[in-house]
N, C-alpha and C. Protein backbone atom coordinates (compact mmCIF):
# COMPACT_ATOMS: atom_id res chain seq x y z
N MET A 1 0.84 -1.16 0.00
CA MET A 1 0.00 0.00 0.00
C MET A 1 0.89 1.23 0.00
N LYS A 2 0.46 2.26 -0.75
CA LYS A 2 1.24 3.47 -0.90
C LYS A 2 0.64 4.62 -0.11
N VAL A 3 1.51 5.46 0.42
CA VAL A 3 1.08 6.70 1.04
C VAL A 3 1.71 7.83 0.24
N LEU A 4 0.89 8.59 -0.48
CA LEU A 4 1.37 9.72 -1.26
C LEU A 4 1.00 11.00 -0.52
N ILE A 5 2.01 11.80 -0.19
CA ILE A 5 1.77 13.03 0.56
C ILE A 5 2.22 14.22 -0.27
N GLN A 6 1.33 15.19 -0.41
CA GLN A 6 1.65 16.44 -1.11
C GLN A 6 1.48 17.59 -0.13
N SER A 7 2.46 18.48 -0.10
CA SER A 7 2.33 19.69 0.71
C SER A 7 2.20 20.86 -0.25
N ILE A 8 1.15 21.64 -0.06
CA ILE A 8 0.83 22.73 -0.97
C ILE A 8 1.08 24.07 -0.26
N LYS A 9 1.84 24.94 -0.91
CA LYS A 9 2.23 26.26 -0.42
C LYS A 9 3.28 26.23 0.67
N PHE A 10 3.91 25.08 0.91
CA PHE A 10 5.00 25.00 1.88
C PHE A 10 5.74 23.69 1.68
N ASP A 11 6.92 23.59 2.29
CA ASP A 11 7.70 22.35 2.26
C ASP A 11 7.59 21.68 3.62
N ALA A 12 6.97 20.50 3.63
CA ALA A 12 6.80 19.77 4.88
C ALA A 12 8.12 19.13 5.29
N ASP A 13 8.41 19.20 6.59
CA ASP A 13 9.64 18.56 7.06
C ASP A 13 9.43 17.07 7.27
N LYS A 14 10.52 16.37 7.41
CA LYS A 14 10.49 14.91 7.52
C LYS A 14 9.68 14.46 8.74
N LYS A 15 9.79 15.19 9.83
CA LYS A 15 9.06 14.83 11.05
C LYS A 15 7.55 14.83 10.82
N LEU A 16 7.05 15.84 10.13
CA LEU A 16 5.62 15.91 9.82
C LEU A 16 5.21 14.80 8.87
N LEU A 17 6.01 14.55 7.85
CA LEU A 17 5.70 13.48 6.89
C LEU A 17 5.66 12.12 7.57
N ASP A 18 6.61 11.88 8.47
CA ASP A 18 6.64 10.61 9.21
C ASP A 18 5.42 10.47 10.10
N PHE A 19 5.03 11.57 10.77
CA PHE A 19 3.85 11.55 11.63
C PHE A 19 2.60 11.19 10.84
N VAL A 20 2.41 11.88 9.71
CA VAL A 20 1.23 11.64 8.88
C VAL A 20 1.20 10.21 8.38
N THR A 21 2.34 9.72 7.90
CA THR A 21 2.42 8.34 7.39
C THR A 21 2.07 7.34 8.48
N LYS A 22 2.62 7.55 9.67
CA LYS A 22 2.37 6.63 10.79
C LYS A 22 0.89 6.59 11.16
N LYS A 23 0.25 7.77 11.23
CA LYS A 23 -1.16 7.84 11.60
C LYS A 23 -2.05 7.20 10.54
N VAL A 24 -1.78 7.50 9.28
CA VAL A 24 -2.61 7.00 8.19
C VAL A 24 -2.50 5.48 8.07
N GLU A 25 -1.31 4.95 8.25
CA GLU A 25 -1.12 3.51 8.12
C GLU A 25 -1.84 2.72 9.20
N LYS A 26 -2.28 3.37 10.27
CA LYS A 26 -3.05 2.68 11.31
C LYS A 26 -4.39 2.17 10.78
N LEU A 27 -4.87 2.77 9.70
CA LEU A 27 -6.14 2.32 9.11
C LEU A 27 -6.02 0.91 8.54
N ASP A 28 -4.81 0.46 8.25
CA ASP A 28 -4.60 -0.89 7.71
C ASP A 28 -5.09 -1.98 8.65
N LYS A 29 -5.06 -1.71 9.96
CA LYS A 29 -5.48 -2.76 10.90
C LYS A 29 -6.99 -2.98 10.88
N PHE A 30 -7.75 -2.02 10.33
CA PHE A 30 -9.20 -2.17 10.25
C PHE A 30 -9.65 -2.82 8.95
N PHE A 31 -8.85 -2.66 7.89
CA PHE A 31 -9.25 -3.17 6.58
C PHE A 31 -8.00 -3.39 5.74
N ASP A 32 -7.77 -4.64 5.35
CA ASP A 32 -6.54 -4.96 4.61
C ASP A 32 -6.67 -4.77 3.10
N GLY A 33 -7.82 -4.31 2.62
CA GLY A 33 -8.02 -4.13 1.19
C GLY A 33 -7.68 -2.73 0.70
N ILE A 34 -7.05 -1.92 1.53
CA ILE A 34 -6.72 -0.55 1.14
C ILE A 34 -5.60 -0.57 0.11
N VAL A 35 -5.82 0.14 -0.99
CA VAL A 35 -4.86 0.17 -2.09
C VAL A 35 -3.81 1.26 -1.88
N LYS A 36 -4.28 2.49 -1.61
CA LYS A 36 -3.34 3.59 -1.38
C LYS A 36 -4.01 4.73 -0.64
N TYR A 37 -3.16 5.62 -0.14
CA TYR A 37 -3.61 6.82 0.56
C TYR A 37 -3.07 8.04 -0.17
N ASN A 38 -3.92 9.01 -0.42
CA ASN A 38 -3.49 10.30 -0.96
C ASN A 38 -3.74 11.34 0.12
N VAL A 39 -2.68 11.99 0.56
CA VAL A 39 -2.78 12.99 1.62
C VAL A 39 -2.34 14.33 1.06
N MET A 40 -3.16 15.35 1.28
CA MET A 40 -2.79 16.71 0.88
C MET A 40 -2.76 17.59 2.11
N LEU A 41 -1.62 18.24 2.32
CA LEU A 41 -1.44 19.18 3.41
C LEU A 41 -1.45 20.58 2.79
N LYS A 42 -2.40 21.40 3.21
CA LYS A 42 -2.54 22.73 2.62
C LYS A 42 -2.41 23.80 3.69
N LEU A 43 -1.66 24.81 3.35
CA LEU A 43 -1.51 25.96 4.23
C LEU A 43 -2.43 27.06 3.74
N GLY A 44 -3.36 27.47 4.58
CA GLY A 44 -4.35 28.46 4.19
C GLY A 44 -3.91 29.87 4.48
N ASN A 45 -4.87 30.76 4.59
CA ASN A 45 -4.64 32.16 4.87
C ASN A 45 -3.99 32.32 6.24
N SER A 46 -2.88 33.04 6.31
CA SER A 46 -2.13 33.14 7.56
C SER A 46 -2.83 34.00 8.61
N THR A 47 -3.87 34.74 8.25
CA THR A 47 -4.57 35.56 9.23
C THR A 47 -5.55 34.74 10.07
N GLU A 48 -5.92 33.57 9.60
CA GLU A 48 -6.84 32.70 10.34
C GLU A 48 -6.04 31.82 11.31
N PRO A 49 -6.54 31.62 12.53
CA PRO A 49 -5.82 30.74 13.46
C PRO A 49 -5.85 29.27 13.02
N GLU A 50 -6.96 28.85 12.44
CA GLU A 50 -7.07 27.46 11.97
C GLU A 50 -6.84 27.44 10.47
N ASN A 51 -5.58 27.56 10.07
CA ASN A 51 -5.26 27.68 8.64
C ASN A 51 -4.55 26.45 8.07
N LYS A 52 -4.48 25.36 8.84
CA LYS A 52 -3.86 24.13 8.35
C LYS A 52 -4.95 23.15 7.95
N ARG A 53 -4.95 22.74 6.68
CA ARG A 53 -5.98 21.83 6.18
C ARG A 53 -5.34 20.51 5.74
N VAL A 54 -5.95 19.42 6.15
CA VAL A 54 -5.50 18.08 5.75
C VAL A 54 -6.66 17.39 5.04
N GLU A 55 -6.37 16.85 3.86
CA GLU A 55 -7.34 16.06 3.11
C GLU A 55 -6.73 14.68 2.89
N ILE A 56 -7.49 13.65 3.22
CA ILE A 56 -7.02 12.28 3.04
C ILE A 56 -8.04 11.52 2.22
N ARG A 57 -7.57 10.90 1.14
CA ARG A 57 -8.41 10.05 0.30
C ARG A 57 -7.84 8.63 0.40
N VAL A 58 -8.71 7.70 0.76
CA VAL A 58 -8.32 6.29 0.90
C VAL A 58 -8.93 5.52 -0.26
N ALA A 59 -8.09 4.90 -1.06
CA ALA A 59 -8.56 4.11 -2.20
C ALA A 59 -8.75 2.67 -1.78
N ILE A 60 -10.00 2.22 -1.88
CA ILE A 60 -10.32 0.82 -1.62
C ILE A 60 -11.03 0.28 -2.85
N PRO A 61 -11.07 -1.03 -3.03
CA PRO A 61 -11.74 -1.59 -4.20
C PRO A 61 -13.21 -1.15 -4.28
N GLY A 62 -13.57 -0.55 -5.41
CA GLY A 62 -14.94 -0.17 -5.64
C GLY A 62 -15.33 1.21 -5.16
N ASN A 63 -14.48 1.85 -4.38
CA ASN A 63 -14.88 3.14 -3.82
C ASN A 63 -13.67 3.86 -3.24
N ASP A 64 -13.82 5.16 -3.03
CA ASP A 64 -12.81 5.94 -2.31
C ASP A 64 -13.47 6.55 -1.09
N LEU A 65 -12.71 6.62 -0.01
CA LEU A 65 -13.19 7.26 1.21
C LEU A 65 -12.43 8.57 1.36
N PHE A 66 -13.08 9.59 1.94
CA PHE A 66 -12.47 10.91 1.99
C PHE A 66 -12.80 11.60 3.31
N ALA A 67 -11.81 12.31 3.83
CA ALA A 67 -12.02 13.15 5.01
C ALA A 67 -11.16 14.40 4.88
N GLU A 68 -11.69 15.50 5.38
CA GLU A 68 -10.99 16.78 5.33
C GLU A 68 -11.22 17.51 6.64
N ARG A 69 -10.15 18.04 7.22
CA ARG A 69 -10.27 18.79 8.47
C ARG A 69 -9.36 20.01 8.42
N LYS A 70 -9.78 21.04 9.15
CA LYS A 70 -9.03 22.29 9.24
C LYS A 70 -8.79 22.57 10.72
N CYS A 71 -7.51 22.71 11.11
CA CYS A 71 -7.17 22.91 12.52
C CYS A 71 -6.01 23.89 12.65
N LYS A 72 -5.58 24.09 13.89
CA LYS A 72 -4.43 24.97 14.14
C LYS A 72 -3.11 24.30 13.76
N THR A 73 -3.07 22.97 13.84
CA THR A 73 -1.85 22.25 13.49
C THR A 73 -2.17 21.12 12.51
N PHE A 74 -1.18 20.75 11.71
CA PHE A 74 -1.37 19.64 10.79
C PHE A 74 -1.55 18.33 11.54
N GLU A 75 -0.89 18.20 12.68
CA GLU A 75 -0.99 16.97 13.47
C GLU A 75 -2.42 16.75 13.97
N GLU A 76 -3.04 17.81 14.49
CA GLU A 76 -4.41 17.68 14.99
C GLU A 76 -5.39 17.40 13.85
N ALA A 77 -5.21 18.08 12.73
CA ALA A 77 -6.08 17.84 11.57
C ALA A 77 -5.93 16.40 11.07
N THR A 78 -4.70 15.89 11.08
CA THR A 78 -4.45 14.51 10.66
C THR A 78 -5.16 13.53 11.59
N ARG A 79 -5.03 13.76 12.89
CA ARG A 79 -5.70 12.88 13.87
C ARG A 79 -7.21 12.84 13.64
N GLN A 80 -7.81 14.01 13.45
CA GLN A 80 -9.25 14.07 13.24
C GLN A 80 -9.67 13.38 11.95
N CYS A 81 -8.88 13.54 10.89
CA CYS A 81 -9.18 12.86 9.62
C CYS A 81 -9.12 11.35 9.80
N VAL A 82 -8.09 10.88 10.49
CA VAL A 82 -7.94 9.43 10.68
C VAL A 82 -9.09 8.88 11.51
N GLU A 83 -9.54 9.62 12.51
CA GLU A 83 -10.69 9.18 13.30
C GLU A 83 -11.93 9.06 12.43
N ALA A 84 -12.17 10.04 11.59
CA ALA A 84 -13.34 10.00 10.69
C ALA A 84 -13.22 8.85 9.70
N LEU A 85 -12.03 8.66 9.17
CA LEU A 85 -11.82 7.59 8.19
C LEU A 85 -11.91 6.21 8.82
N THR A 86 -11.58 6.10 10.09
CA THR A 86 -11.70 4.81 10.78
C THR A 86 -13.14 4.34 10.73
N GLN A 87 -14.09 5.24 11.00
CA GLN A 87 -15.50 4.88 10.95
C GLN A 87 -15.92 4.52 9.53
N GLN A 88 -15.43 5.27 8.55
CA GLN A 88 -15.78 5.00 7.16
C GLN A 88 -15.23 3.65 6.70
N VAL A 89 -14.01 3.35 7.11
CA VAL A 89 -13.39 2.07 6.72
C VAL A 89 -14.16 0.91 7.33
N LYS A 90 -14.56 1.04 8.58
CA LYS A 90 -15.33 -0.03 9.23
C LYS A 90 -16.66 -0.26 8.52
N LYS A 91 -17.34 0.83 8.13
CA LYS A 91 -18.60 0.70 7.41
C LYS A 91 -18.39 0.04 6.04
N ALA A 92 -17.33 0.45 5.34
CA ALA A 92 -17.05 -0.12 4.02
C ALA A 92 -16.75 -1.61 4.13
N LYS A 93 -16.05 -2.00 5.18
CA LYS A 93 -15.73 -3.41 5.38
C LYS A 93 -17.01 -4.22 5.64
N GLU A 94 -17.91 -3.66 6.43
CA GLU A 94 -19.18 -4.33 6.71
C GLU A 94 -20.00 -4.50 5.43
N LYS A 95 -20.04 -3.46 4.60
CA LYS A 95 -20.78 -3.54 3.35
C LYS A 95 -20.22 -4.62 2.44
N MET A 96 -18.92 -4.77 2.41
CA MET A 96 -18.29 -5.76 1.56
C MET A 96 -18.58 -7.17 2.05
N ARG A 97 -18.73 -7.33 3.36
CA ARG A 97 -19.05 -8.65 3.93
C ARG A 97 -20.46 -9.09 3.52
N ASN A 98 -21.38 -8.12 3.51
CA ASN A 98 -22.78 -8.43 3.22
C ASN A 98 -22.97 -8.49 1.78
């Protein structure tokens, strides 16, 4: 499974990339049919306190799952996206069983 990370309007450091990869790969324990992850880290308007946006698209057979969050830090936005995607992955797995 691949994790593709794009940082838009800034250069992400290795520590942030490693954090995002580690969090996103946790979804594998809920569903082993995940093909790849596309993660976009976007830096918004600097006047807003919550200007860090994370978008995660999870490619699974037959469908894609998506979550987007805007927070003060990329780490917090990533955590919230992974929490939302955890529920989506569990539902998708149940649908495939039935």
